[in-house]
Amino acid sequence: MIYKKHLRKLQGDVLPRIISVYSHIGVHNVAFELPHDVFWVTASPDMPHVLKKRAIEALQKAHDAKVVHHRLRMSRILICAD
C-alpha cells in the first residue's frame, strides 16, 4: 500500500529503484538498489551549493508525496551522477 500510494512515483527521480518494502505496525522499511552504477556519495556540509539545493528539492518532493524519513541525516542522503 505505501509503495502504490507514495513511493512508486518517486522512483528514479527522488528515490533509487525499490527492491522491497517491509511494513509493521506504524513502521515501514524500504530496501533500495544502489542509486547509481558508477558514482554516488553521501551528502556532506562542504558539498557544492547546487547539490545541496537538489537534495532539498528531492526532500520536498518526498514530503509532498507524504513520505517522511524517520531518521534523516546527511549520511543517509545519497548524491549520484544523474
N, C-alpha and C. Protein backbone atom coordinates (compact mmCIF):
# COMPACT_ATOMS: atom_id res chain seq x y z
N MET A 1 0.82 -1.20 0.00
CA MET A 1 0.00 0.00 0.00
C MET A 1 0.86 1.27 0.00
N ILE A 2 1.85 1.34 0.89
CA ILE A 2 2.71 2.54 0.92
C ILE A 2 3.43 2.71 -0.42
N TYR A 3 3.81 1.58 -1.04
CA TYR A 3 4.50 1.66 -2.32
C TYR A 3 3.60 2.28 -3.38
N LYS A 4 2.40 1.74 -3.53
CA LYS A 4 1.48 2.22 -4.57
C LYS A 4 1.03 3.65 -4.32
N LYS A 5 0.80 4.01 -3.06
CA LYS A 5 0.27 5.34 -2.76
C LYS A 5 1.33 6.43 -2.73
N HIS A 6 2.55 6.09 -2.32
CA HIS A 6 3.53 7.14 -2.06
C HIS A 6 4.88 6.99 -2.77
N LEU A 7 5.39 5.79 -2.85
CA LEU A 7 6.78 5.61 -3.30
C LEU A 7 6.95 5.39 -4.80
N ARG A 8 6.01 4.75 -5.45
CA ARG A 8 6.17 4.39 -6.87
C ARG A 8 6.52 5.59 -7.73
N LYS A 9 5.80 6.70 -7.57
CA LYS A 9 6.02 7.86 -8.43
C LYS A 9 7.34 8.58 -8.16
N LEU A 10 8.00 8.28 -7.04
CA LEU A 10 9.27 8.92 -6.70
C LEU A 10 10.49 8.14 -7.21
N GLN A 11 10.29 6.88 -7.61
CA GLN A 11 11.40 6.05 -8.06
C GLN A 11 12.08 6.62 -9.29
N GLY A 12 13.40 6.61 -9.28
CA GLY A 12 14.16 7.09 -10.42
C GLY A 12 14.33 8.59 -10.46
N ASP A 13 13.58 9.31 -9.64
CA ASP A 13 13.69 10.77 -9.57
C ASP A 13 14.25 11.16 -8.21
N VAL A 14 13.50 10.92 -7.18
CA VAL A 14 13.90 11.26 -5.81
C VAL A 14 14.50 10.05 -5.10
N LEU A 15 14.02 8.88 -5.44
CA LEU A 15 14.46 7.64 -4.80
C LEU A 15 15.09 6.70 -5.81
N PRO A 16 16.09 5.91 -5.38
CA PRO A 16 16.56 4.83 -6.24
C PRO A 16 15.43 3.80 -6.41
N ARG A 17 15.61 2.87 -7.32
CA ARG A 17 14.62 1.81 -7.51
C ARG A 17 14.44 1.01 -6.22
N ILE A 18 13.20 0.67 -5.93
CA ILE A 18 12.87 -0.05 -4.71
C ILE A 18 12.93 -1.55 -4.96
N ILE A 19 13.61 -2.26 -4.05
CA ILE A 19 13.67 -3.71 -4.12
C ILE A 19 12.48 -4.31 -3.38
N SER A 20 12.23 -3.81 -2.16
CA SER A 20 11.14 -4.35 -1.35
C SER A 20 10.75 -3.36 -0.27
N VAL A 21 9.51 -3.47 0.19
CA VAL A 21 9.01 -2.65 1.29
C VAL A 21 8.57 -3.60 2.40
N TYR A 22 9.05 -3.36 3.61
CA TYR A 22 8.68 -4.15 4.77
C TYR A 22 7.86 -3.27 5.70
N SER A 23 6.66 -3.72 6.02
CA SER A 23 5.78 -2.93 6.87
C SER A 23 5.45 -3.68 8.15
N HIS A 24 5.40 -2.94 9.23
CA HIS A 24 5.00 -3.46 10.52
C HIS A 24 4.25 -2.33 11.21
N ILE A 25 3.41 -2.60 12.10
CA ILE A 25 2.54 -1.63 12.76
C ILE A 25 3.18 -0.25 12.88
N GLY A 26 2.77 0.66 12.00
CA GLY A 26 3.22 2.05 12.05
C GLY A 26 4.63 2.33 11.55
N VAL A 27 5.36 1.30 11.12
CA VAL A 27 6.74 1.48 10.67
C VAL A 27 6.91 0.82 9.30
N HIS A 28 7.58 1.52 8.39
CA HIS A 28 7.85 0.97 7.07
C HIS A 28 9.35 1.08 6.81
N ASN A 29 9.95 0.00 6.38
CA ASN A 29 11.36 -0.01 5.98
C ASN A 29 11.42 -0.34 4.50
N VAL A 30 12.29 0.36 3.79
CA VAL A 30 12.38 0.20 2.35
C VAL A 30 13.81 -0.18 1.97
N ALA A 31 13.95 -1.23 1.16
CA ALA A 31 15.26 -1.64 0.65
C ALA A 31 15.38 -1.12 -0.78
N PHE A 32 16.46 -0.39 -1.06
CA PHE A 32 16.68 0.23 -2.36
C PHE A 32 17.87 -0.38 -3.07
N GLU A 33 17.88 -0.28 -4.41
CA GLU A 33 19.08 -0.56 -5.18
C GLU A 33 20.08 0.56 -4.92
N LEU A 34 21.34 0.34 -5.27
CA LEU A 34 22.30 1.44 -5.22
C LEU A 34 21.81 2.56 -6.13
N PRO A 35 22.04 3.82 -5.78
CA PRO A 35 21.48 4.92 -6.56
C PRO A 35 22.08 5.09 -7.95
N HIS A 36 23.28 4.58 -8.19
CA HIS A 36 23.92 4.74 -9.49
C HIS A 36 24.93 3.62 -9.66
N ASP A 37 25.10 3.14 -10.87
CA ASP A 37 26.04 2.03 -11.13
C ASP A 37 27.49 2.41 -10.94
N VAL A 38 27.84 3.67 -11.21
CA VAL A 38 29.24 4.07 -11.24
C VAL A 38 29.63 4.99 -10.09
N PHE A 39 28.80 5.99 -9.80
CA PHE A 39 29.23 7.03 -8.86
C PHE A 39 28.10 7.46 -7.94
N TRP A 40 28.37 7.47 -6.64
CA TRP A 40 27.48 8.09 -5.67
C TRP A 40 28.26 8.34 -4.38
N VAL A 41 27.86 9.38 -3.66
CA VAL A 41 28.48 9.76 -2.40
C VAL A 41 27.38 10.15 -1.42
N THR A 42 27.73 10.19 -0.15
CA THR A 42 26.77 10.70 0.84
C THR A 42 26.89 12.21 0.91
N ALA A 43 25.82 12.85 1.31
CA ALA A 43 25.82 14.31 1.45
C ALA A 43 26.81 14.73 2.52
N SER A 44 27.33 15.96 2.38
CA SER A 44 28.27 16.49 3.37
C SER A 44 28.11 18.00 3.45
N PRO A 45 28.54 18.61 4.55
CA PRO A 45 28.40 20.06 4.70
C PRO A 45 29.17 20.84 3.65
N ASP A 46 30.24 20.26 3.11
CA ASP A 46 31.06 21.01 2.15
C ASP A 46 30.76 20.67 0.68
N MET A 47 29.66 19.97 0.42
CA MET A 47 29.32 19.70 -0.98
C MET A 47 28.86 20.99 -1.64
N PRO A 48 28.96 21.09 -2.96
CA PRO A 48 28.60 22.32 -3.67
C PRO A 48 27.14 22.73 -3.42
N HIS A 49 26.91 24.03 -3.46
CA HIS A 49 25.58 24.59 -3.21
C HIS A 49 24.53 24.00 -4.15
N VAL A 50 24.89 23.77 -5.39
CA VAL A 50 23.93 23.22 -6.36
C VAL A 50 23.46 21.83 -5.93
N LEU A 51 24.33 21.02 -5.34
CA LEU A 51 23.93 19.70 -4.86
C LEU A 51 23.08 19.80 -3.61
N LYS A 52 23.40 20.76 -2.75
CA LYS A 52 22.56 20.98 -1.56
C LYS A 52 21.15 21.36 -1.98
N LYS A 53 21.05 22.23 -2.98
CA LYS A 53 19.75 22.66 -3.47
C LYS A 53 18.97 21.48 -4.05
N ARG A 54 19.64 20.63 -4.82
CA ARG A 54 18.97 19.45 -5.39
C ARG A 54 18.52 18.48 -4.30
N ALA A 55 19.31 18.34 -3.26
CA ALA A 55 18.93 17.45 -2.15
C ALA A 55 17.69 17.99 -1.44
N ILE A 56 17.65 19.30 -1.21
CA ILE A 56 16.49 19.91 -0.56
C ILE A 56 15.25 19.76 -1.45
N GLU A 57 15.40 19.97 -2.74
CA GLU A 57 14.27 19.81 -3.67
C GLU A 57 13.76 18.37 -3.67
N ALA A 58 14.66 17.41 -3.61
CA ALA A 58 14.26 16.00 -3.57
C ALA A 58 13.50 15.69 -2.29
N LEU A 59 13.99 16.21 -1.17
CA LEU A 59 13.29 16.01 0.10
C LEU A 59 11.90 16.64 0.07
N GLN A 60 11.80 17.80 -0.55
CA GLN A 60 10.50 18.47 -0.66
C GLN A 60 9.53 17.62 -1.48
N LYS A 61 10.02 17.04 -2.58
CA LYS A 61 9.16 16.16 -3.39
C LYS A 61 8.68 14.96 -2.57
N ALA A 62 9.58 14.39 -1.79
CA ALA A 62 9.20 13.26 -0.94
C ALA A 62 8.15 13.69 0.08
N HIS A 63 8.37 14.81 0.73
CA HIS A 63 7.40 15.31 1.72
C HIS A 63 6.07 15.63 1.07
N ASP A 64 6.09 16.20 -0.13
CA ASP A 64 4.85 16.49 -0.86
C ASP A 64 4.07 15.21 -1.15
N ALA A 65 4.79 14.09 -1.31
CA ALA A 65 4.15 12.80 -1.56
C ALA A 65 3.82 12.08 -0.25
N LYS A 66 3.94 12.80 0.86
CA LYS A 66 3.63 12.29 2.20
C LYS A 66 4.61 11.21 2.67
N VAL A 67 5.84 11.31 2.19
CA VAL A 67 6.91 10.41 2.63
C VAL A 67 7.82 11.21 3.55
N VAL A 68 7.98 10.74 4.77
CA VAL A 68 8.83 11.42 5.75
C VAL A 68 9.89 10.43 6.21
N HIS A 69 11.14 10.84 6.17
CA HIS A 69 12.24 10.00 6.61
C HIS A 69 12.30 10.04 8.13
N HIS A 70 12.32 8.87 8.74
CA HIS A 70 12.28 8.78 10.21
C HIS A 70 13.53 9.34 10.87
N ARG A 71 14.68 9.02 10.35
CA ARG A 71 15.95 9.47 10.96
C ARG A 71 16.83 10.11 9.90
N LEU A 72 16.43 11.26 9.45
CA LEU A 72 17.16 11.94 8.37
C LEU A 72 18.48 12.51 8.90
N ARG A 73 19.55 12.21 8.17
CA ARG A 73 20.87 12.79 8.44
C ARG A 73 21.66 12.74 7.14
N MET A 74 22.71 13.52 7.08
CA MET A 74 23.48 13.60 5.83
C MET A 74 23.98 12.25 5.36
N SER A 75 24.37 11.38 6.27
CA SER A 75 24.90 10.08 5.87
C SER A 75 23.85 9.20 5.19
N ARG A 76 22.59 9.59 5.26
CA ARG A 76 21.50 8.83 4.62
C ARG A 76 20.97 9.51 3.37
N ILE A 77 21.60 10.61 2.97
CA ILE A 77 21.25 11.28 1.71
C ILE A 77 22.34 10.92 0.70
N LEU A 78 21.94 10.26 -0.37
CA LEU A 78 22.90 9.82 -1.38
C LEU A 78 22.81 10.71 -2.61
N ILE A 79 23.95 11.19 -3.05
CA ILE A 79 24.05 12.05 -4.23
C ILE A 79 24.69 11.20 -5.33
N CYS A 80 24.05 11.13 -6.49
CA CYS A 80 24.61 10.32 -7.58
C CYS A 80 24.87 11.18 -8.81
N ALA A 81 25.46 10.56 -9.81
CA ALA A 81 25.89 11.28 -11.01
C ALA A 81 24.73 11.79 -11.85
N ASP A 82 23.55 11.25 -11.68
CA ASP A 82 22.41 11.68 -12.51
C ASP A 82 21.95 13.03 -12.09
